[in-house]
């Protein structure tokens, strides 16, 4: 799987919408800046169908310095979090079976499926 960058997202949005890349770059950067600002202010940002950005407190806890073995106290702090929506989780989980099949069968280059017609009145494929 590839690492997707902000520039790649901007390029893909430009291709699919036909808008100018610089305009899309401005919008994406403004969006990310605003999300960052609002999280710093302590707000929770919910994007329906995608997920929720928030900051949550982490309690103080003892930890160990791996180099010296000395016990140190990590102070209470706020940690940014992101929780995916159930829609996204369901899409990811539906791909697991497909990916397992492909990785188990290296001779499969691509997944080819035939269209299935569904009768809306009976909810059965025929």
Protein backbone atom coordinates (compact mmCIF):
# COMPACT_ATOMS: atom_id res chain seq x y z
CA UNK A 1 0.00 0.00 0.00
CA UNK A 2 1.24 3.47 -0.87
CA UNK A 3 1.71 6.43 1.41
CA UNK A 4 -0.75 9.14 0.31
CA UNK A 5 0.45 12.74 0.61
CA UNK A 6 -1.44 16.01 0.74
CA UNK A 7 -0.12 16.89 -2.73
CA UNK A 8 -1.44 13.59 -4.11
CA UNK A 9 -4.88 14.28 -2.63
CA UNK A 10 -4.88 17.77 -4.15
CA UNK A 11 -3.93 16.35 -7.54
CA UNK A 12 -6.66 13.68 -7.40
CA UNK A 13 -9.31 16.23 -6.40
CA UNK A 14 -8.20 18.48 -9.26
CA UNK A 15 -8.52 15.59 -11.73
CA UNK A 16 -11.97 14.54 -10.56
CA UNK A 17 -13.47 18.02 -10.24
CA UNK A 18 -11.74 19.96 -13.00
CA UNK A 19 -10.91 22.78 -10.58
CA UNK A 20 -7.54 24.51 -10.62
CA UNK A 21 -4.94 22.82 -8.39
CA UNK A 22 -3.95 26.06 -6.66
CA UNK A 23 -7.55 26.69 -5.63
CA UNK A 24 -7.88 23.17 -4.26
CA UNK A 25 -4.54 23.51 -2.46
CA UNK A 26 -5.79 26.68 -0.78
CA UNK A 27 -9.02 25.01 0.34
CA UNK A 28 -7.28 21.87 1.63
CA UNK A 29 -4.67 23.88 3.53
CA UNK A 30 -7.33 26.19 5.00
CA UNK A 31 -9.35 23.14 6.07
CA UNK A 32 -6.37 21.48 7.75
CA UNK A 33 -5.34 24.74 9.45
CA UNK A 34 -8.87 25.25 10.78
CA UNK A 35 -9.09 21.66 12.05
CA UNK A 36 -5.75 22.13 13.84
CA UNK A 37 -6.81 25.45 15.37
CA UNK A 38 -10.13 24.12 16.63
CA UNK A 39 -8.54 21.03 18.18
CA UNK A 40 -5.97 23.22 19.96
CA UNK A 41 -8.88 25.28 21.33
CA UNK A 42 -10.31 22.07 22.81
CA UNK A 43 -13.11 21.52 20.31
CA UNK A 44 -14.17 18.18 18.87
CA UNK A 45 -14.60 18.06 15.11
CA UNK A 46 -17.08 15.54 13.75
CA UNK A 47 -17.24 14.86 10.03
CA UNK A 48 -20.24 12.59 9.50
CA UNK A 49 -19.44 9.47 7.54
CA UNK A 50 -15.69 9.98 8.01
CA UNK A 51 -14.65 10.40 11.64
CA UNK A 52 -14.06 12.55 14.70
CA UNK A 53 -11.00 14.59 15.65
CA UNK A 54 -10.58 15.35 19.36
CA UNK A 55 -8.07 15.93 22.15
CA UNK A 56 -8.25 13.65 25.16
CA UNK A 57 -6.39 13.84 28.46
CA UNK A 58 -3.80 11.19 29.30
CA UNK A 59 -3.17 10.56 32.98
CA UNK A 60 0.25 10.94 34.51
CA UNK A 61 2.12 7.64 34.71
CA UNK A 62 5.49 6.23 35.63
CA UNK A 63 7.77 5.13 32.78
CA UNK A 64 11.28 3.78 32.49
CA UNK A 65 14.20 5.33 30.63
CA UNK A 66 15.39 2.43 28.43
CA UNK A 67 19.00 3.64 28.42
CA UNK A 68 19.47 4.10 32.17
CA UNK A 69 16.62 2.04 33.60
CA UNK A 70 15.66 5.03 35.73
CA UNK A 71 11.97 5.48 36.54
CA UNK A 72 10.59 8.84 35.42
CA UNK A 73 7.13 10.36 35.75
CA UNK A 74 5.35 11.31 32.53
CA UNK A 75 3.07 14.22 33.37
CA UNK A 76 -0.61 14.44 32.46
CA UNK A 77 -1.04 15.75 28.95
CA UNK A 78 -3.54 16.20 26.14
CA UNK A 79 -3.27 13.83 23.17
CA UNK A 80 -4.87 14.41 19.75
CA UNK A 81 -7.03 11.49 18.61
CA UNK A 82 -9.00 10.46 15.55
CA UNK A 83 -11.81 7.93 15.55
CA UNK A 84 -13.05 6.59 12.21
CA UNK A 85 -16.79 6.48 11.57
CA UNK A 86 -18.56 3.14 11.44
CA UNK A 87 -19.03 3.65 7.67
CA UNK A 88 -15.27 3.81 7.12
CA UNK A 89 -14.64 0.91 9.51
CA UNK A 90 -17.17 -1.22 7.64
CA UNK A 91 -15.53 -0.42 4.29
CA UNK A 92 -12.10 -1.31 5.66
CA UNK A 93 -13.36 -4.56 7.19
CA UNK A 94 -15.12 -5.57 3.97
CA UNK A 95 -11.76 -5.32 2.19
CA UNK A 96 -9.97 -7.65 4.64
CA UNK A 97 -11.42 -10.82 3.11
CA UNK A 98 -10.52 -9.68 -0.39
CA UNK A 99 -6.96 -8.79 0.61
CA UNK A 100 -6.51 -12.13 2.43
CA UNK A 101 -7.62 -14.00 -0.70
CA UNK A 102 -5.25 -12.06 -2.93
CA UNK A 103 -2.26 -12.46 -0.60
CA UNK A 104 -2.96 -16.20 -0.21
CA UNK A 105 -3.14 -16.68 -4.00
CA UNK A 106 -0.19 -14.92 -5.68
CA UNK A 107 -1.42 -16.01 -9.14
CA UNK A 108 -4.35 -13.59 -8.76
CA UNK A 109 -3.26 -10.32 -10.36
CA UNK A 110 -6.56 -8.49 -10.20
CA UNK A 111 -9.98 -9.16 -8.84
CA UNK A 112 -12.47 -9.62 -11.63
CA UNK A 113 -16.11 -9.80 -10.74
CA UNK A 114 -19.17 -10.12 -12.88
CA UNK A 115 -22.08 -7.74 -12.33
CA UNK A 116 -24.96 -9.15 -10.32
CA UNK A 117 -28.53 -8.09 -11.04
CA UNK A 118 -30.73 -7.60 -8.01
CA UNK A 119 -34.51 -7.67 -8.09
CA UNK A 120 -35.43 -4.86 -5.72
CA UNK A 121 -38.79 -6.40 -4.87
CA UNK A 122 -37.39 -9.74 -3.70
CA UNK A 123 -33.88 -8.70 -2.53
CA UNK A 124 -32.43 -11.76 -4.25
CA UNK A 125 -29.68 -11.95 -6.84
CA UNK A 126 -30.61 -13.84 -10.02
